[in-house]
Amino acid sequence: MGLLKNSDLLRIIRKETGEQLYIGFLGVLRLHKGIEETDLDCVVKQFRAVPEIRHKEWQEKRLLPPLLPEQTPMYSFSDLQMELFYEIYI
């Protein structure tokens, strides 16, 4: 975590179960009630940079929602939006 910035988007997943513990910005991670201090002390088993590309009108077209649908898109490609998440498996 010390190598990332507060504005980086994270997705923390428990590798054994696939349970998503957190999706959001590093800067607000400690405010999230689903994350325990013991989770933050775990050994990272896998780390990936994963782009998420979704249609900006995903609701109207009944497509899969983005991981953070309430967030304003960071980039627009005429009718798509892209976010970069760092997936951390513990």
N, C-alpha and C. Protein backbone atom coordinates (compact mmCIF):
# COMPACT_ATOMS: atom_id res chain seq x y z
N MET A 1 0.82 -1.20 0.00
CA MET A 1 0.00 0.00 0.00
C MET A 1 0.86 1.26 0.00
N GLY A 2 2.06 1.15 0.53
CA GLY A 2 2.94 2.30 0.60
C GLY A 2 3.39 2.80 -0.76
N LEU A 3 3.26 1.99 -1.80
CA LEU A 3 3.68 2.39 -3.13
C LEU A 3 2.57 3.07 -3.92
N LEU A 4 1.33 2.99 -3.44
CA LEU A 4 0.19 3.55 -4.16
C LEU A 4 -0.14 4.94 -3.63
N LYS A 5 -0.93 5.67 -4.39
CA LYS A 5 -1.38 7.02 -4.01
C LYS A 5 -2.82 6.97 -3.52
N ASN A 6 -3.21 7.93 -2.69
CA ASN A 6 -4.57 7.98 -2.15
C ASN A 6 -5.63 8.02 -3.24
N SER A 7 -5.31 8.56 -4.40
CA SER A 7 -6.28 8.67 -5.49
C SER A 7 -6.38 7.40 -6.35
N ASP A 8 -5.57 6.37 -6.04
CA ASP A 8 -5.62 5.12 -6.79
C ASP A 8 -6.85 4.31 -6.40
N LEU A 9 -7.48 3.69 -7.40
CA LEU A 9 -8.64 2.82 -7.16
C LEU A 9 -8.17 1.41 -6.86
N LEU A 10 -8.74 0.81 -5.81
CA LEU A 10 -8.36 -0.53 -5.38
C LEU A 10 -9.56 -1.46 -5.38
N ARG A 11 -9.26 -2.70 -5.53
CA ARG A 11 -10.24 -3.77 -5.33
C ARG A 11 -9.49 -4.83 -4.55
N ILE A 12 -9.87 -5.02 -3.28
CA ILE A 12 -9.19 -5.98 -2.42
C ILE A 12 -10.06 -7.23 -2.34
N ILE A 13 -9.45 -8.37 -2.67
CA ILE A 13 -10.18 -9.63 -2.77
C ILE A 13 -9.48 -10.69 -1.93
N ARG A 14 -10.27 -11.46 -1.20
CA ARG A 14 -9.70 -12.60 -0.46
C ARG A 14 -9.54 -13.74 -1.46
N LYS A 15 -8.30 -14.13 -1.71
CA LYS A 15 -7.98 -15.08 -2.79
C LYS A 15 -8.67 -16.44 -2.62
N GLU A 16 -8.72 -16.96 -1.41
CA GLU A 16 -9.29 -18.29 -1.19
C GLU A 16 -10.77 -18.35 -1.52
N THR A 17 -11.51 -17.29 -1.18
CA THR A 17 -12.97 -17.32 -1.33
C THR A 17 -13.48 -16.47 -2.48
N GLY A 18 -12.66 -15.56 -2.99
CA GLY A 18 -13.12 -14.63 -4.02
C GLY A 18 -13.95 -13.48 -3.46
N GLU A 19 -14.07 -13.41 -2.13
CA GLU A 19 -14.85 -12.35 -1.48
C GLU A 19 -14.20 -10.99 -1.71
N GLN A 20 -15.00 -10.03 -2.17
CA GLN A 20 -14.50 -8.66 -2.36
C GLN A 20 -14.62 -7.92 -1.04
N LEU A 21 -13.50 -7.55 -0.48
CA LEU A 21 -13.48 -6.86 0.80
C LEU A 21 -13.65 -5.35 0.65
N TYR A 22 -13.16 -4.81 -0.47
CA TYR A 22 -13.20 -3.36 -0.65
C TYR A 22 -13.08 -3.02 -2.13
N ILE A 23 -13.86 -2.03 -2.55
CA ILE A 23 -13.73 -1.44 -3.88
C ILE A 23 -13.81 0.07 -3.67
N GLY A 24 -12.77 0.79 -4.02
CA GLY A 24 -12.77 2.24 -3.87
C GLY A 24 -11.36 2.81 -3.86
N PHE A 25 -11.28 4.05 -3.42
CA PHE A 25 -10.00 4.77 -3.39
C PHE A 25 -9.17 4.37 -2.17
N LEU A 26 -7.86 4.31 -2.36
CA LEU A 26 -6.96 4.00 -1.25
C LEU A 26 -7.13 5.02 -0.12
N GLY A 27 -7.34 6.28 -0.46
CA GLY A 27 -7.43 7.33 0.54
C GLY A 27 -8.57 7.17 1.55
N VAL A 28 -9.61 6.42 1.20
CA VAL A 28 -10.74 6.23 2.13
C VAL A 28 -10.84 4.78 2.62
N LEU A 29 -9.84 3.98 2.33
CA LEU A 29 -9.85 2.56 2.69
C LEU A 29 -10.05 2.36 4.19
N ARG A 30 -9.35 3.10 5.00
CA ARG A 30 -9.43 2.90 6.46
C ARG A 30 -10.78 3.33 7.04
N LEU A 31 -11.56 4.08 6.30
CA LEU A 31 -12.89 4.48 6.76
C LEU A 31 -13.94 3.42 6.47
N HIS A 32 -13.60 2.45 5.61
CA HIS A 32 -14.55 1.42 5.20
C HIS A 32 -14.74 0.40 6.32
N LYS A 33 -15.99 0.13 6.67
CA LYS A 33 -16.27 -0.75 7.80
C LYS A 33 -16.02 -2.23 7.51
N GLY A 34 -15.93 -2.63 6.24
CA GLY A 34 -15.72 -4.04 5.90
C GLY A 34 -14.28 -4.49 5.97
N ILE A 35 -13.37 -3.56 6.21
CA ILE A 35 -11.94 -3.88 6.26
C ILE A 35 -11.47 -3.84 7.71
N GLU A 36 -10.83 -4.91 8.13
CA GLU A 36 -10.27 -4.99 9.48
C GLU A 36 -8.77 -4.71 9.41
N GLU A 37 -8.19 -4.30 10.51
CA GLU A 37 -6.75 -4.07 10.56
C GLU A 37 -5.99 -5.35 10.23
N THR A 38 -6.53 -6.51 10.63
CA THR A 38 -5.86 -7.78 10.32
C THR A 38 -5.83 -8.02 8.81
N ASP A 39 -6.87 -7.55 8.09
CA ASP A 39 -6.87 -7.68 6.63
C ASP A 39 -5.76 -6.84 6.01
N LEU A 40 -5.51 -5.67 6.58
CA LEU A 40 -4.49 -4.78 6.03
C LEU A 40 -3.07 -5.27 6.32
N ASP A 41 -2.92 -6.18 7.28
CA ASP A 41 -1.61 -6.73 7.61
C ASP A 41 -1.33 -8.04 6.87
N CYS A 42 -2.28 -8.51 6.05
CA CYS A 42 -2.10 -9.78 5.32
C CYS A 42 -1.01 -9.66 4.26
N VAL A 43 -0.46 -10.80 3.92
CA VAL A 43 0.51 -10.88 2.83
C VAL A 43 -0.25 -10.77 1.51
N VAL A 44 0.23 -9.94 0.60
CA VAL A 44 -0.37 -9.82 -0.73
C VAL A 44 0.05 -11.05 -1.54
N LYS A 45 -0.94 -11.80 -2.03
CA LYS A 45 -0.67 -13.03 -2.78
C LYS A 45 -0.65 -12.78 -4.28
N GLN A 46 -1.33 -11.74 -4.71
CA GLN A 46 -1.36 -11.40 -6.15
C GLN A 46 -1.70 -9.93 -6.28
N PHE A 47 -1.12 -9.28 -7.27
CA PHE A 47 -1.36 -7.86 -7.52
C PHE A 47 -1.52 -7.67 -9.02
N ARG A 48 -2.59 -7.02 -9.44
CA ARG A 48 -2.84 -6.82 -10.87
C ARG A 48 -3.36 -5.40 -11.11
N ALA A 49 -2.99 -4.84 -12.23
CA ALA A 49 -3.59 -3.59 -12.70
C ALA A 49 -4.64 -4.00 -13.73
N VAL A 50 -5.92 -3.67 -13.47
CA VAL A 50 -7.01 -4.14 -14.31
C VAL A 50 -7.81 -2.95 -14.83
N PRO A 51 -7.81 -2.74 -16.15
CA PRO A 51 -8.65 -1.67 -16.69
C PRO A 51 -10.11 -2.12 -16.72
N GLU A 52 -11.00 -1.21 -16.40
CA GLU A 52 -12.43 -1.48 -16.48
C GLU A 52 -12.99 -0.55 -17.55
N ILE A 53 -13.57 -1.12 -18.59
CA ILE A 53 -14.14 -0.32 -19.67
C ILE A 53 -15.63 -0.62 -19.72
N ARG A 54 -16.45 0.40 -19.57
CA ARG A 54 -17.90 0.25 -19.57
C ARG A 54 -18.52 1.32 -20.46
N HIS A 55 -19.68 1.02 -20.98
CA HIS A 55 -20.44 1.99 -21.75
C HIS A 55 -20.98 3.04 -20.80
N LYS A 56 -20.88 4.32 -21.15
CA LYS A 56 -21.32 5.37 -20.22
C LYS A 56 -22.84 5.38 -20.05
N GLU A 57 -23.57 4.78 -20.96
CA GLU A 57 -25.03 4.67 -20.82
C GLU A 57 -25.41 3.24 -20.45
N TRP A 58 -24.65 2.65 -19.53
CA TRP A 58 -24.85 1.25 -19.16
C TRP A 58 -26.24 0.99 -18.60
N GLN A 59 -26.81 1.97 -17.87
CA GLN A 59 -28.15 1.77 -17.30
C GLN A 59 -29.21 1.71 -18.38
N GLU A 60 -29.17 2.67 -19.29
CA GLU A 60 -30.16 2.73 -20.35
C GLU A 60 -30.10 1.50 -21.24
N LYS A 61 -28.90 0.98 -21.45
CA LYS A 61 -28.71 -0.18 -22.33
C LYS A 61 -28.78 -1.50 -21.58
N ARG A 62 -29.02 -1.41 -20.25
CA ARG A 62 -29.13 -2.60 -19.38
C ARG A 62 -27.89 -3.49 -19.45
N LEU A 63 -26.72 -2.82 -19.37
CA LEU A 63 -25.44 -3.52 -19.37
C LEU A 63 -24.95 -3.68 -17.94
N LEU A 64 -23.87 -4.43 -17.75
CA LEU A 64 -23.29 -4.57 -16.42
C LEU A 64 -22.83 -3.22 -15.90
N PRO A 65 -23.06 -2.94 -14.62
CA PRO A 65 -22.62 -1.66 -14.07
C PRO A 65 -21.12 -1.63 -13.84
N PRO A 66 -20.53 -0.45 -13.82
CA PRO A 66 -19.12 -0.34 -13.42
C PRO A 66 -18.98 -0.67 -11.93
N LEU A 67 -17.76 -0.92 -11.48
CA LEU A 67 -17.53 -1.23 -10.07
C LEU A 67 -17.97 -0.08 -9.16
N LEU A 68 -17.77 1.15 -9.60
CA LEU A 68 -18.19 2.34 -8.84
C LEU A 68 -19.12 3.18 -9.72
N PRO A 69 -20.39 2.80 -9.85
CA PRO A 69 -21.27 3.49 -10.78
C PRO A 69 -21.54 4.96 -10.45
N GLU A 70 -21.39 5.35 -9.19
CA GLU A 70 -21.67 6.73 -8.80
C GLU A 70 -20.53 7.69 -9.13
N GLN A 71 -19.38 7.15 -9.49
CA GLN A 71 -18.21 7.99 -9.76
C GLN A 71 -18.26 8.56 -11.18
N THR A 72 -17.87 9.80 -11.32
CA THR A 72 -17.76 10.43 -12.63
C THR A 72 -16.66 9.75 -13.42
N PRO A 73 -16.89 9.44 -14.70
CA PRO A 73 -15.85 8.77 -15.48
C PRO A 73 -14.58 9.61 -15.55
N MET A 74 -13.43 8.93 -15.46
CA MET A 74 -12.16 9.63 -15.53
C MET A 74 -11.78 9.93 -16.98
N TYR A 75 -12.15 9.05 -17.90
CA TYR A 75 -11.85 9.21 -19.31
C TYR A 75 -13.09 8.84 -20.10
N SER A 76 -13.32 9.50 -21.21
CA SER A 76 -14.44 9.14 -22.08
C SER A 76 -13.91 8.83 -23.47
N PHE A 77 -14.43 7.78 -24.05
CA PHE A 77 -14.14 7.40 -25.42
C PHE A 77 -15.48 7.42 -26.14
N SER A 78 -15.89 8.50 -26.67
CA SER A 78 -17.18 8.74 -27.30
C SER A 78 -18.34 8.13 -26.51
N ASP A 79 -18.42 6.82 -26.39
CA ASP A 79 -19.53 6.25 -25.61
C ASP A 79 -19.06 5.25 -24.56
N LEU A 80 -17.75 5.22 -24.27
CA LEU A 80 -17.22 4.32 -23.25
C LEU A 80 -16.49 5.11 -22.17
N GLN A 81 -16.32 4.50 -21.02
CA GLN A 81 -15.49 5.09 -19.98
C GLN A 81 -14.54 4.03 -19.46
N MET A 82 -13.36 4.48 -19.02
CA MET A 82 -12.34 3.56 -18.54
C MET A 82 -11.84 3.98 -17.17
N GLU A 83 -11.66 3.01 -16.30
CA GLU A 83 -11.07 3.20 -14.98
C GLU A 83 -9.95 2.17 -14.85
N LEU A 84 -8.92 2.47 -14.08
CA LEU A 84 -7.87 1.51 -13.82
C LEU A 84 -7.92 1.16 -12.34
N PHE A 85 -8.15 -0.11 -12.04
CA PHE A 85 -8.19 -0.60 -10.67
C PHE A 85 -6.95 -1.44 -10.41
N TYR A 86 -6.42 -1.33 -9.21
CA TYR A 86 -5.37 -2.23 -8.78
C TYR A 86 -6.06 -3.31 -7.96
N GLU A 87 -6.01 -4.54 -8.44
CA GLU A 87 -6.60 -5.66 -7.70
C GLU A 87 -5.53 -6.24 -6.80
N ILE A 88 -5.86 -6.32 -5.51
CA ILE A 88 -4.95 -6.85 -4.51
C ILE A 88 -5.61 -8.08 -3.91
N TYR A 89 -4.97 -9.22 -4.06
CA TYR A 89 -5.48 -10.47 -3.51
C TYR A 89 -4.71 -10.78 -2.23
N ILE A 90 -5.47 -10.98 -1.15
CA ILE A 90 -4.83 -11.30 0.14
C ILE A 90 -5.25 -12.69 0.58
